[in-house]
């Protein structure tokens, strides 16, 4: 019985050692190259920023604004579908495609929201 316990302890020890080697990685793997010099990192950042700026020059999308009010004096629901066009650097144009629901909520909440975004 003692031999089985000792054998199990050795087996557990071998598993722990193998697991730690697996976490350490392959010791025969090639050495990683040296990090990039600072001027190369900066030039790469500038190039990526220019690419992002060009990609965000303009875009169009569709948004759906919904509001559900539950309370006094009555429940009110409204929905507005809006097309948005953006042109760099800071021009946003909203075109209302459809409006459904409470006129009060549309005029006093959803349209005010659009005015605030513009």
PDB file of N, CA and C in Angstrom:
ATOM      1  N   UNK A   1       0.810  -1.176   0.000  1.00  0.00           N
ATOM      2  CA  UNK A   1       0.000   0.000   0.000  1.00  0.00           C
ATOM      3  C   UNK A   1       0.862   1.252   0.000  1.00  0.00           C
ATOM      4  N   UNK A   2       1.982   1.242   0.787  1.00  0.00           N
ATOM      5  CA  UNK A   2       2.876   2.395   0.816  1.00  0.00           C
ATOM      6  C   UNK A   2       3.505   2.625  -0.553  1.00  0.00           C
ATOM      7  N   UNK A   3       3.793   1.557  -1.264  1.00  0.00           N
ATOM      8  CA  UNK A   3       4.423   1.676  -2.569  1.00  0.00           C
ATOM      9  C   UNK A   3       3.493   2.382  -3.548  1.00  0.00           C
ATOM     10  N   UNK A   4       2.209   2.093  -3.483  1.00  0.00           N
ATOM     11  CA  UNK A   4       1.228   2.716  -4.372  1.00  0.00           C
ATOM     12  C   UNK A   4       1.140   4.212  -4.076  1.00  0.00           C
ATOM     13  N   UNK A   5       1.142   4.574  -2.793  1.00  0.00           N
ATOM     14  CA  UNK A   5       1.074   5.997  -2.448  1.00  0.00           C
ATOM     15  C   UNK A   5       2.325   6.723  -2.933  1.00  0.00           C
ATOM     16  N   UNK A   6       3.473   6.122  -2.746  1.00  0.00           N
ATOM     17  CA  UNK A   6       4.715   6.745  -3.186  1.00  0.00           C
ATOM     18  C   UNK A   6       4.725   6.873  -4.701  1.00  0.00           C
ATOM     19  N   UNK A   7       4.253   5.848  -5.380  1.00  0.00           N
ATOM     20  CA  UNK A   7       4.206   5.872  -6.836  1.00  0.00           C
ATOM     21  C   UNK A   7       3.254   6.963  -7.309  1.00  0.00           C
ATOM     22  N   UNK A   8       2.114   7.131  -6.637  1.00  0.00           N
ATOM     23  CA  UNK A   8       1.156   8.174  -7.003  1.00  0.00           C
ATOM     24  C   UNK A   8       1.763   9.550  -6.773  1.00  0.00           C
ATOM     25  N   UNK A   9       2.541   9.714  -5.678  1.00  0.00           N
ATOM     26  CA  UNK A   9       3.195  10.987  -5.406  1.00  0.00           C
ATOM     27  C   UNK A   9       4.217  11.336  -6.473  1.00  0.00           C
ATOM     28  N   UNK A  10       4.960  10.361  -6.941  1.00  0.00           N
ATOM     29  CA  UNK A  10       5.943  10.577  -7.998  1.00  0.00           C
ATOM     30  C   UNK A  10       5.227  10.944  -9.287  1.00  0.00           C
ATOM     31  N   UNK A  11       4.119  10.275  -9.562  1.00  0.00           N
ATOM     32  CA  UNK A  11       3.343  10.548 -10.772  1.00  0.00           C
ATOM     33  C   UNK A  11       2.811  11.978 -10.748  1.00  0.00           C
ATOM     34  N   UNK A  12       2.314  12.415  -9.606  1.00  0.00           N
ATOM     35  CA  UNK A  12       1.812  13.781  -9.480  1.00  0.00           C
ATOM     36  C   UNK A  12       2.951  14.774  -9.675  1.00  0.00           C
ATOM     37  N   UNK A  13       4.117  14.504  -9.093  1.00  0.00           N
ATOM     38  CA  UNK A  13       5.276  15.371  -9.240  1.00  0.00           C
ATOM     39  C   UNK A  13       5.689  15.476 -10.706  1.00  0.00           C
ATOM     40  N   UNK A  14       5.673  14.345 -11.425  1.00  0.00           N
ATOM     41  CA  UNK A  14       6.029  14.366 -12.836  1.00  0.00           C
ATOM     42  C   UNK A  14       5.031  15.198 -13.635  1.00  0.00           C
ATOM     43  N   UNK A  15       3.749  15.115 -13.322  1.00  0.00           N
ATOM     44  CA  UNK A  15       2.728  15.908 -14.012  1.00  0.00           C
ATOM     45  C   UNK A  15       2.939  17.394 -13.770  1.00  0.00           C
ATOM     46  N   UNK A  16       3.274  17.768 -12.541  1.00  0.00           N
ATOM     47  CA  UNK A  16       3.517  19.177 -12.214  1.00  0.00           C
ATOM     48  C   UNK A  16       4.725  19.696 -12.980  1.00  0.00           C
ATOM     49  N   UNK A  17       5.803  18.905 -13.046  1.00  0.00           N
ATOM     50  CA  UNK A  17       7.011  19.317 -13.765  1.00  0.00           C
ATOM     51  C   UNK A  17       6.699  19.475 -15.251  1.00  0.00           C
ATOM     52  N   UNK A  18       5.982  18.508 -15.833  1.00  0.00           N
ATOM     53  CA  UNK A  18       5.642  18.583 -17.250  1.00  0.00           C
ATOM     54  C   UNK A  18       4.757  19.792 -17.538  1.00  0.00           C
ATOM     55  N   UNK A  19       3.812  20.085 -16.650  1.00  0.00           N
ATOM     56  CA  UNK A  19       2.933  21.236 -16.842  1.00  0.00           C
ATOM     57  C   UNK A  19       3.731  22.528 -16.791  1.00  0.00           C
ATOM     58  N   UNK A  20       4.699  22.632 -15.884  1.00  0.00           N
ATOM     59  CA  UNK A  20       5.500  23.857 -15.805  1.00  0.00           C
ATOM     60  C   UNK A  20       6.380  24.009 -17.035  1.00  0.00           C
ATOM     61  N   UNK A  21       6.881  22.909 -17.592  1.00  0.00           N
ATOM     62  CA  UNK A  21       7.657  23.005 -18.825  1.00  0.00           C
ATOM     63  C   UNK A  21       6.781  23.458 -19.987  1.00  0.00           C
ATOM     64  N   UNK A  22       5.552  22.964 -20.028  1.00  0.00           N
ATOM     65  CA  UNK A  22       4.636  23.345 -21.100  1.00  0.00           C
ATOM     66  C   UNK A  22       4.319  24.835 -21.019  1.00  0.00           C
ATOM     67  N   UNK A  23       4.172  25.372 -19.800  1.00  0.00           N
ATOM     68  CA  UNK A  23       3.889  26.794 -19.646  1.00  0.00           C
ATOM     69  C   UNK A  23       5.100  27.633 -20.015  1.00  0.00           C
ATOM     70  N   UNK A  24       6.286  27.146 -19.732  1.00  0.00           N
ATOM     71  CA  UNK A  24       7.499  27.899 -20.043  1.00  0.00           C
ATOM     72  C   UNK A  24       7.719  27.987 -21.541  1.00  0.00           C
ATOM     73  N   UNK A  25       7.137  27.092 -22.298  1.00  0.00           N
ATOM     74  CA  UNK A  25       7.286  27.105 -23.745  1.00  0.00           C
ATOM     75  C   UNK A  25       8.436  26.230 -24.190  1.00  0.00           C
ATOM     76  N   UNK A  26       8.607  26.150 -25.489  1.00  0.00           N
ATOM     77  CA  UNK A  26       9.661  25.329 -26.070  1.00  0.00           C
ATOM     78  C   UNK A  26      10.997  26.031 -25.876  1.00  0.00           C
ATOM     79  N   UNK A  27      11.918  25.376 -25.221  1.00  0.00           N
ATOM     80  CA  UNK A  27      13.212  25.975 -24.943  1.00  0.00           C
ATOM     81  C   UNK A  27      14.094  26.034 -26.181  1.00  0.00           C
ATOM     82  N   UNK A  28      13.730  25.308 -27.237  1.00  0.00           N
ATOM     83  CA  UNK A  28      14.530  25.314 -28.460  1.00  0.00           C
ATOM     84  C   UNK A  28      13.992  26.320 -29.476  1.00  0.00           C
ATOM     85  N   UNK A  29      12.958  27.086 -29.130  1.00  0.00           N
ATOM     86  CA  UNK A  29      12.389  28.062 -30.055  1.00  0.00           C
ATOM     87  C   UNK A  29      13.395  29.176 -30.325  1.00  0.00           C
ATOM     88  N   UNK A  30      13.347  29.775 -31.511  1.00  0.00           N
ATOM     89  CA  UNK A  30      14.292  30.852 -31.821  1.00  0.00           C
ATOM     90  C   UNK A  30      14.043  32.072 -30.925  1.00  0.00           C
ATOM     91  N   UNK A  31      15.071  32.837 -30.705  1.00  0.00           N
ATOM     92  CA  UNK A  31      14.983  34.028 -29.866  1.00  0.00           C
ATOM     93  C   UNK A  31      14.213  35.106 -30.630  1.00  0.00           C
ATOM     94  N   UNK A  32      13.362  35.848 -29.904  1.00  0.00           N
ATOM     95  CA  UNK A  32      12.565  36.902 -30.539  1.00  0.00           C
ATOM     96  C   UNK A  32      13.478  38.041 -30.980  1.00  0.00           C
ATOM     97  N   UNK A  33      13.123  38.704 -32.100  1.00  0.00           N
ATOM     98  CA  UNK A  33      13.942  39.826 -32.561  1.00  0.00           C
ATOM     99  C   UNK A  33      13.879  40.996 -31.579  1.00  0.00           C
ATOM    100  N   UNK A  34      14.848  41.855 -31.651  1.00  0.00           N
ATOM    101  CA  UNK A  34      14.923  43.025 -30.776  1.00  0.00           C
ATOM    102  C   UNK A  34      13.749  43.960 -31.078  1.00  0.00           C
ATOM    103  N   UNK A  35      13.310  44.734 -30.090  1.00  0.00           N
ATOM    104  CA  UNK A  35      12.203  45.663 -30.320  1.00  0.00           C
ATOM    105  C   UNK A  35      12.581  46.731 -31.355  1.00  0.00           C
ATOM    106  N   UNK A  36      11.533  47.337 -31.960  1.00  0.00           N
ATOM    107  CA  UNK A  36      11.757  48.362 -32.974  1.00  0.00           C
ATOM    108  C   UNK A  36      12.350  49.621 -32.351  1.00  0.00           C
ATOM    109  N   UNK A  37      13.155  50.333 -33.104  1.00  0.00           N
ATOM    110  CA  UNK A  37      13.658  51.608 -32.597  1.00  0.00           C
ATOM    111  C   UNK A  37      12.526  52.622 -32.482  1.00  0.00           C
ATOM    112  N   UNK A  38      12.693  53.621 -31.639  1.00  0.00           N
ATOM    113  CA  UNK A  38      11.657  54.604 -31.357  1.00  0.00           C
ATOM    114  C   UNK A  38      11.187  55.337 -32.601  1.00  0.00           C
ATOM    115  N   UNK A  39      12.101  55.748 -33.467  1.00  0.00           N
ATOM    116  CA  UNK A  39      11.688  56.498 -34.659  1.00  0.00           C
ATOM    117  C   UNK A  39      10.829  55.648 -35.592  1.00  0.00           C
ATOM    118  N   UNK A  40      11.075  54.344 -35.637  1.00  0.00           N
ATOM    119  CA  UNK A  40      10.252  53.454 -36.464  1.00  0.00           C
ATOM    120  C   UNK A  40       8.858  53.266 -35.859  1.00  0.00           C
ATOM    121  N   UNK A  41       8.789  53.184 -34.538  1.00  0.00           N
ATOM    122  CA  UNK A  41       7.489  53.079 -33.865  1.00  0.00           C
ATOM    123  C   UNK A  41       6.655  54.327 -34.136  1.00  0.00           C
ATOM    124  N   UNK A  42       7.278  55.495 -34.017  1.00  0.00           N
ATOM    125  CA  UNK A  42       6.570  56.759 -34.245  1.00  0.00           C
ATOM    126  C   UNK A  42       6.094  56.865 -35.687  1.00  0.00           C
ATOM    127  N   UNK A  43       6.917  56.484 -36.632  1.00  0.00           N
ATOM    128  CA  UNK A  43       6.502  56.557 -38.041  1.00  0.00           C
ATOM    129  C   UNK A  43       5.365  55.584 -38.331  1.00  0.00           C
ATOM    130  N   UNK A  44       5.378  54.404 -37.704  1.00  0.00           N
ATOM    131  CA  UNK A  44       4.272  53.455 -37.871  1.00  0.00           C
ATOM    132  C   UNK A  44       2.974  54.019 -37.298  1.00  0.00           C
ATOM    133  N   UNK A  45       3.058  54.665 -36.135  1.00  0.00           N
ATOM    134  CA  UNK A  45       1.869  55.284 -35.535  1.00  0.00           C
ATOM    135  C   UNK A  45       1.309  56.382 -36.430  1.00  0.00           C
ATOM    136  N   UNK A  46       2.175  57.220 -36.979  1.00  0.00           N
ATOM    137  CA  UNK A  46       1.721  58.291 -37.858  1.00  0.00           C
ATOM    138  C   UNK A  46       1.057  57.741 -39.114  1.00  0.00           C
ATOM    139  N   UNK A  47       1.608  56.673 -39.667  1.00  0.00           N
ATOM    140  CA  UNK A  47       1.026  56.062 -40.865  1.00  0.00           C
ATOM    141  C   UNK A  47      -0.355  55.486 -40.565  1.00  0.00           C
ATOM    142  N   UNK A  48      -0.502  54.808 -39.421  1.00  0.00           N
ATOM    143  CA  UNK A  48      -1.805  54.240 -39.045  1.00  0.00           C
ATOM    144  C   UNK A  48      -2.830  55.341 -38.770  1.00  0.00           C
ATOM    145  N   UNK A  49      -2.413  56.434 -38.143  1.00  0.00           N
ATOM    146  CA  UNK A  49      -3.320  57.556 -37.900  1.00  0.00           C
ATOM    147  C   UNK A  49      -3.805  58.153 -39.213  1.00  0.00           C
ATOM    148  N   UNK A  50      -2.931  58.284 -40.188  1.00  0.00           N
ATOM    149  CA  UNK A  50      -3.323  58.802 -41.503  1.00  0.00           C
ATOM    150  C   UNK A  50      -4.319  57.862 -42.181  1.00  0.00           C
ATOM    151  N   UNK A  51      -4.106  56.555 -42.062  1.00  0.00           N
ATOM    152  CA  UNK A  51      -5.042  55.582 -42.646  1.00  0.00           C
ATOM    153  C   UNK A  51      -6.409  55.684 -41.985  1.00  0.00           C
ATOM    154  N   UNK A  52      -6.442  55.813 -40.645  1.00  0.00           N
ATOM    155  CA  UNK A  52      -7.710  55.939 -39.926  1.00  0.00           C
ATOM    156  C   UNK A  52      -8.448  57.212 -40.316  1.00  0.00           C
ATOM    157  N   UNK A  53      -7.722  58.306 -40.435  1.00  0.00           N
ATOM    158  CA  UNK A  53      -8.331  59.575 -40.817  1.00  0.00           C
ATOM    159  C   UNK A  53      -8.938  59.480 -42.205  1.00  0.00           C
ATOM    160  N   UNK A  54      -8.235  58.856 -43.135  1.00  0.00           N
ATOM    161  CA  UNK A  54      -8.757  58.695 -44.493  1.00  0.00           C
ATOM    162  C   UNK A  54     -10.006  57.818 -44.501  1.00  0.00           C
ATOM    163  N   UNK A  55     -10.026  56.787 -43.683  1.00  0.00           N
ATOM    164  CA  UNK A  55     -11.181  55.882 -43.633  1.00  0.00           C
ATOM    165  C   UNK A  55     -12.395  56.561 -43.020  1.00  0.00           C
ATOM    166  N   UNK A  56     -12.168  57.526 -42.125  1.00  0.00           N
ATOM    167  CA  UNK A  56     -13.277  58.217 -41.460  1.00  0.00           C
ATOM    168  C   UNK A  56     -13.596  59.561 -42.109  1.00  0.00           C
ATOM    169  N   UNK A  57     -13.186  59.766 -43.329  1.00  0.00           N
ATOM    170  CA  UNK A  57     -13.459  61.020 -44.025  1.00  0.00           C
ATOM    171  C   UNK A  57     -14.963  61.280 -44.110  1.00  0.00           C
ATOM    172  N   UNK A  58     -15.716  60.232 -44.377  1.00  0.00           N
ATOM    173  CA  UNK A  58     -17.169  60.357 -44.394  1.00  0.00           C
ATOM    174  C   UNK A  58     -17.805  58.983 -44.213  1.00  0.00           C
ATOM    175  N   UNK A  59     -19.015  58.975 -43.666  1.00  0.00           N
ATOM    176  CA  UNK A  59     -19.770  57.732 -43.569  1.00  0.00           C
ATOM    177  C   UNK A  59     -21.252  58.055 -43.477  1.00  0.00           C
ATOM    178  N   UNK A  60     -22.065  57.058 -43.751  1.00  0.00           N
ATOM    179  CA  UNK A  60     -23.515  57.170 -43.634  1.00  0.00           C
ATOM    180  C   UNK A  60     -24.024  55.988 -42.834  1.00  0.00           C
ATOM    181  N   UNK A  61     -25.119  56.209 -42.141  1.00  0.00           N
ATOM    182  CA  UNK A  61     -25.703  55.130 -41.366  1.00  0.00           C
ATOM    183  C   UNK A  61     -27.167  55.407 -41.067  1.00  0.00           C
ATOM    184  N   UNK A  62     -27.800  54.454 -40.441  1.00  0.00           N
ATOM    185  CA  UNK A  62     -29.200  54.597 -40.061  1.00  0.00           C
ATOM    186  C   UNK A  62     -29.313  54.322 -38.575  1.00  0.00           C
ATOM    187  N   UNK A  63     -30.013  55.182 -37.875  1.00  0.00           N
ATOM    188  CA  UNK A  63     -30.225  55.025 -36.440  1.00  0.00           C
ATOM    189  C   UNK A  63     -31.716  54.925 -36.172  1.00  0.00           C
ATOM    190  N   UNK A  64     -32.028  54.177 -35.125  1.00  0.00           N
ATOM    191  CA  UNK A  64     -33.418  54.064 -34.667  1.00  0.00           C
ATOM    192  C   UNK A  64     -33.458  54.555 -33.226  1.00  0.00           C
ATOM    193  N   UNK A  65     -34.229  55.610 -33.012  1.00  0.00           N
ATOM    194  CA  UNK A  65     -34.413  56.161 -31.671  1.00  0.00           C
ATOM    195  C   UNK A  65     -35.784  55.718 -31.175  1.00  0.00           C
ATOM    196  N   UNK A  66     -35.827  55.130 -29.988  1.00  0.00           N
ATOM    197  CA  UNK A  66     -37.079  54.659 -29.394  1.00  0.00           C
ATOM    198  C   UNK A  66     -37.181  55.160 -27.969  1.00  0.00           C
ATOM    199  N   UNK A  67     -38.412  55.502 -27.583  1.00  0.00           N
ATOM    200  CA  UNK A  67     -38.638  55.869 -26.190  1.00  0.00           C
ATOM    201  C   UNK A  67     -39.961  55.268 -25.753  1.00  0.00           C
ATOM    202  N   UNK A  68     -39.944  54.666 -24.584  1.00  0.00           N
ATOM    203  CA  UNK A  68     -41.154  54.131 -23.964  1.00  0.00           C
ATOM    204  C   UNK A  68     -41.306  54.801 -22.605  1.00  0.00           C
ATOM    205  N   UNK A  69     -42.397  55.529 -22.444  1.00  0.00           N
ATOM    206  CA  UNK A  69     -42.665  56.192 -21.161  1.00  0.00           C
ATOM    207  C   UNK A  69     -43.835  55.482 -20.502  1.00  0.00           C
ATOM    208  N   UNK A  70     -43.665  55.081 -19.263  1.00  0.00           N
ATOM    209  CA  UNK A  70     -44.726  54.442 -18.486  1.00  0.00           C
ATOM    210  C   UNK A  70     -44.916  55.263 -17.224  1.00  0.00           C
ATOM    211  N   UNK A  71     -46.043  55.942 -17.141  1.00  0.00           N
ATOM    212  CA  UNK A  71     -46.277  56.746 -15.953  1.00  0.00           C
ATOM    213  C   UNK A  71     -47.475  57.648 -16.088  1.00  0.00           C
ATOM    214  N   UNK A  72     -47.485  58.679 -15.243  1.00  0.00           N
ATOM    215  CA  UNK A  72     -48.596  59.620 -15.176  1.00  0.00           C
ATOM    216  C   UNK A  72     -48.485  60.634 -16.292  1.00  0.00           C
ATOM    217  N   UNK A  73     -49.466  61.071 -16.953  1.00  0.00           N
ATOM    218  CA  UNK A  73     -50.860  60.680 -16.871  1.00  0.00           C
ATOM    219  C   UNK A  73     -51.190  59.459 -17.727  1.00  0.00           C
ATOM    220  N   UNK A  74     -50.294  59.119 -18.691  1.00  0.00           N
ATOM    221  CA  UNK A  74     -50.553  57.926 -19.508  1.00  0.00           C
ATOM    222  C   UNK A  74     -49.236  57.424 -20.088  1.00  0.00           C
ATOM    223  N   UNK A  75     -49.279  56.209 -20.607  1.00  0.00           N
ATOM    224  CA  UNK A  75     -48.098  55.625 -21.244  1.00  0.00           C
ATOM    225  C   UNK A  75     -47.952  56.213 -22.648  1.00  0.00           C
ATOM    226  N   UNK A  76     -46.711  56.447 -23.043  1.00  0.00           N
ATOM    227  CA  UNK A  76     -46.453  56.999 -24.376  1.00  0.00           C
ATOM    228  C   UNK A  76     -45.240  56.298 -24.978  1.00  0.00           C
ATOM    229  N   UNK A  77     -45.347  55.965 -26.254  1.00  0.00           N
ATOM    230  CA  UNK A  77     -44.265  55.336 -27.001  1.00  0.00           C
ATOM    231  C   UNK A  77     -44.003  56.154 -28.259  1.00  0.00           C
ATOM    232  N   UNK A  78     -42.760  56.191 -28.684  1.00  0.00           N
ATOM    233  CA  UNK A  78     -42.412  56.874 -29.930  1.00  0.00           C
ATOM    234  C   UNK A  78     -41.173  56.234 -30.524  1.00  0.00           C
ATOM    235  N   UNK A  79     -41.088  56.326 -31.845  1.00  0.00           N
ATOM    236  CA  UNK A  79     -39.935  55.795 -32.561  1.00  0.00           C
ATOM    237  C   UNK A  79     -39.648  56.701 -33.749  1.00  0.00           C
ATOM    238  N   UNK A  80     -38.365  56.909 -33.988  1.00  0.00           N
ATOM    239  CA  UNK A  80     -37.952  57.741 -35.111  1.00  0.00           C
ATOM    240  C   UNK A  80     -36.766  57.059 -35.789  1.00  0.00           C
ATOM    241  N   UNK A  81     -36.857  56.884 -37.110  1.00  0.00           N
ATOM    242  CA  UNK A  81     -35.763  56.309 -37.892  1.00  0.00           C
ATOM    243  C   UNK A  81     -35.074  57.465 -38.610  1.00  0.00           C
ATOM    244  N   UNK A  82     -33.754  57.538 -38.436  1.00  0.00           N
ATOM    245  CA  UNK A  82     -33.001  58.693 -38.923  1.00  0.00           C
ATOM    246  C   UNK A  82     -31.796  58.211 -39.721  1.00  0.00           C
ATOM    247  N   UNK A  83     -31.545  58.885 -40.848  1.00  0.00           N
ATOM    248  CA  UNK A  83     -30.325  58.639 -41.630  1.00  0.00           C
ATOM    249  C   UNK A  83     -29.314  59.689 -41.208  1.00  0.00           C
ATOM    250  N   UNK A  84     -28.083  59.253 -40.922  1.00  0.00           N
ATOM    251  CA  UNK A  84     -27.024  60.181 -40.536  1.00  0.00           C
ATOM    252  C   UNK A  84     -25.927  60.140 -41.585  1.00  0.00           C
ATOM    253  N   UNK A  85     -25.436  61.331 -41.941  1.00  0.00           N
ATOM    254  CA  UNK A  85     -24.292  61.460 -42.842  1.00  0.00           C
ATOM    255  C   UNK A  85     -23.236  62.280 -42.118  1.00  0.00           C
ATOM    256  N   UNK A  86     -22.021  61.778 -42.100  1.00  0.00           N
ATOM    257  CA  UNK A  86     -20.917  62.482 -41.449  1.00  0.00           C
ATOM    258  C   UNK A  86     -19.875  62.820 -42.500  1.00  0.00           C
ATOM    259  N   UNK A  87     -19.395  64.057 -42.459  1.00  0.00           N
ATOM    260  CA  UNK A  87     -18.312  64.507 -43.332  1.00  0.00           C
ATOM    261  C   UNK A  87     -17.263  65.159 -42.441  1.00  0.00           C
ATOM    262  N   UNK A  88     -16.025  64.714 -42.573  1.00  0.00           N
ATOM    263  CA  UNK A  88     -14.949  65.239 -41.731  1.00  0.00           C
ATOM    264  C   UNK A  88     -14.759  66.726 -42.002  1.00  0.00           C
ATOM    265  N   UNK A  89     -14.394  67.507 -41.042  1.00  0.00           N
ATOM    266  CA  UNK A  89     -13.981  67.128 -39.705  1.00  0.00           C
ATOM    267  C   UNK A  89     -15.134  67.025 -38.714  1.00  0.00           C
ATOM    268  N   UNK A  90     -16.249  67.784 -38.901  1.00  0.00           N
ATOM    269  CA  UNK A  90     -17.279  67.737 -37.856  1.00  0.00           C
ATOM    270  C   UNK A  90     -18.681  68.054 -38.365  1.00  0.00           C
ATOM    271  N   UNK A  91     -19.036  67.643 -39.567  1.00  0.00           N
ATOM    272  CA  UNK A  91     -20.361  67.940 -40.107  1.00  0.00           C
ATOM    273  C   UNK A  91     -21.238  66.693 -40.025  1.00  0.00           C
ATOM    274  N   UNK A  92     -22.326  66.800 -39.264  1.00  0.00           N
ATOM    275  CA  UNK A  92     -23.309  65.714 -39.169  1.00  0.00           C
ATOM    276  C   UNK A  92     -24.623  66.226 -39.752  1.00  0.00           C
ATOM    277  N   UNK A  93     -25.213  65.423 -40.619  1.00  0.00           N
ATOM    278  CA  UNK A  93     -26.511  65.758 -41.193  1.00  0.00           C
ATOM    279  C   UNK A  93     -27.484  64.639 -40.860  1.00  0.00           C
ATOM    280  N   UNK A  94     -28.628  65.007 -40.301  1.00  0.00           N
ATOM    281  CA  UNK A  94     -29.651  64.031 -39.950  1.00  0.00           C
ATOM    282  C   UNK A  94     -30.852  64.213 -40.868  1.00  0.00           C
ATOM    283  N   UNK A  95     -31.375  63.125 -41.401  1.00  0.00           N
ATOM    284  CA  UNK A  95     -32.587  63.138 -42.210  1.00  0.00           C
ATOM    285  C   UNK A  95     -33.563  62.158 -41.580  1.00  0.00           C
ATOM    286  N   UNK A  96     -34.726  62.662 -41.168  1.00  0.00           N
ATOM    287  CA  UNK A  96     -35.732  61.801 -40.544  1.00  0.00           C
ATOM    288  C   UNK A  96     -36.420  61.013 -41.636  1.00  0.00           C
ATOM    289  N   UNK A  97     -36.344  59.687 -41.547  1.00  0.00           N
ATOM    290  CA  UNK A  97     -36.964  58.802 -42.527  1.00  0.00           C
ATOM    291  C   UNK A  97     -38.390  58.441 -42.138  1.00  0.00           C
ATOM    292  N   UNK A  98     -38.634  58.236 -40.840  1.00  0.00           N
ATOM    293  CA  UNK A  98     -39.996  57.925 -40.392  1.00  0.00           C
ATOM    294  C   UNK A  98     -40.160  58.276 -38.924  1.00  0.00           C
ATOM    295  N   UNK A  99     -41.415  58.568 -38.554  1.00  0.00           N
ATOM    296  CA  UNK A  99     -41.779  58.852 -37.169  1.00  0.00           C
ATOM    297  C   UNK A  99     -43.042  58.070 -36.845  1.00  0.00           C
ATOM    298  N   UNK A 100     -43.059  57.430 -35.693  1.00  0.00           N
ATOM    299  CA  UNK A 100     -44.249  56.695 -35.237  1.00  0.00           C
ATOM    300  C   UNK A 100     -44.463  56.978 -33.766  1.00  0.00           C
ATOM    301  N   UNK A 101     -45.726  57.049 -33.365  1.00  0.00           N
ATOM    302  CA  UNK A 101     -46.020  57.156 -31.951  1.00  0.00           C
ATOM    303  C   UNK A 101     -46.408  58.549 -31.510  1.00  0.00           C
ATOM    304  N   UNK A 102     -46.178  58.815 -30.243  1.00  0.00           N
ATOM    305  CA  UNK A 102     -46.597  60.051 -29.597  1.00  0.00           C
ATOM    306  C   UNK A 102     -45.892  61.264 -30.208  1.00  0.00           C
ATOM    307  N   UNK A 103     -46.696  62.191 -30.699  1.00  0.00           N
ATOM    308  CA  UNK A 103     -46.167  63.430 -31.279  1.00  0.00           C
ATOM    309  C   UNK A 103     -45.425  64.243 -30.213  1.00  0.00           C
ATOM    310  N   UNK A 104     -45.944  64.248 -28.984  1.00  0.00           N
ATOM    311  CA  UNK A 104     -45.310  64.979 -27.895  1.00  0.00           C
ATOM    312  C   UNK A 104     -43.901  64.450 -27.633  1.00  0.00           C
ATOM    313  N   UNK A 105     -43.737  63.141 -27.552  1.00  0.00           N
ATOM    314  CA  UNK A 105     -42.427  62.538 -27.298  1.00  0.00           C
ATOM    315  C   UNK A 105     -41.486  62.808 -28.467  1.00  0.00           C
ATOM    316  N   UNK A 106     -41.987  62.700 -29.687  1.00  0.00           N
ATOM    317  CA  UNK A 106     -41.148  62.947 -30.864  1.00  0.00           C
ATOM    318  C   UNK A 106     -40.644  64.386 -30.858  1.00  0.00           C
ATOM    319  N   UNK A 107     -41.556  65.355 -30.643  1.00  0.00           N
ATOM    320  CA  UNK A 107     -41.175  66.769 -30.702  1.00  0.00           C
ATOM    321  C   UNK A 107     -40.333  67.219 -29.515  1.00  0.00           C
ATOM    322  N   UNK A 108     -40.662  66.755 -28.313  1.00  0.00           N
ATOM    323  CA  UNK A 108     -40.015  67.279 -27.119  1.00  0.00           C
ATOM    324  C   UNK A 108     -38.839  66.440 -26.607  1.00  0.00           C
ATOM    325  N   UNK A 109     -38.706  65.229 -27.103  1.00  0.00           N
ATOM    326  CA  UNK A 109     -37.601  64.389 -26.633  1.00  0.00           C
ATOM    327  C   UNK A 109     -36.679  63.997 -27.793  1.00  0.00           C
ATOM    328  N   UNK A 110     -37.214  63.285 -28.777  1.00  0.00           N
ATOM    329  CA  UNK A 110     -36.371  62.722 -29.828  1.00  0.00           C
ATOM    330  C   UNK A 110     -35.770  63.806 -30.727  1.00  0.00           C
ATOM    331  N   UNK A 111     -36.570  64.786 -31.129  1.00  0.00           N
ATOM    332  CA  UNK A 111     -36.027  65.862 -31.961  1.00  0.00           C
ATOM    333  C   UNK A 111     -35.038  66.728 -31.203  1.00  0.00           C
ATOM    334  N   UNK A 112     -35.268  66.927 -29.918  1.00  0.00           N
ATOM    335  CA  UNK A 112     -34.313  67.667 -29.089  1.00  0.00           C
ATOM    336  C   UNK A 112     -32.998  66.904 -28.978  1.00  0.00           C
ATOM    337  N   UNK A 113     -33.101  65.600 -28.925  1.00  0.00           N
ATOM    338  CA  UNK A 113     -31.906  64.755 -28.887  1.00  0.00           C
ATOM    339  C   UNK A 113     -31.081  64.937 -30.152  1.00  0.00           C
ATOM    340  N   UNK A 114     -31.758  64.952 -31.303  1.00  0.00           N
ATOM    341  CA  UNK A 114     -31.043  65.166 -32.574  1.00  0.00           C
ATOM    342  C   UNK A 114     -30.402  66.545 -32.628  1.00  0.00           C
ATOM    343  N   UNK A 115     -31.109  67.556 -32.152  1.00  0.00           N
ATOM    344  CA  UNK A 115     -30.547  68.925 -32.135  1.00  0.00           C
ATOM    345  C   UNK A 115     -29.283  68.956 -31.277  1.00  0.00           C
ATOM    346  N   UNK A 116     -29.304  68.278 -30.159  1.00  0.00           N
ATOM    347  CA  UNK A 116     -28.132  68.223 -29.294  1.00  0.00           C
ATOM    348  C   UNK A 116     -26.949  67.526 -29.939  1.00  0.00           C
ATOM    349  N   UNK A 117     -27.219  66.522 -30.753  1.00  0.00           N
ATOM    350  CA  UNK A 117     -26.131  65.800 -31.440  1.00  0.00           C
ATOM    351  C   UNK A 117     -25.519  66.619 -32.554  1.00  0.00           C
ATOM    352  N   UNK A 118     -26.344  67.469 -33.202  1.00  0.00           N
ATOM    353  CA  UNK A 118     -25.818  68.275 -34.298  1.00  0.00           C
ATOM    354  C   UNK A 118     -24.952  69.378 -33.748  1.00  0.00           C
TER     355      UNK A 118
END
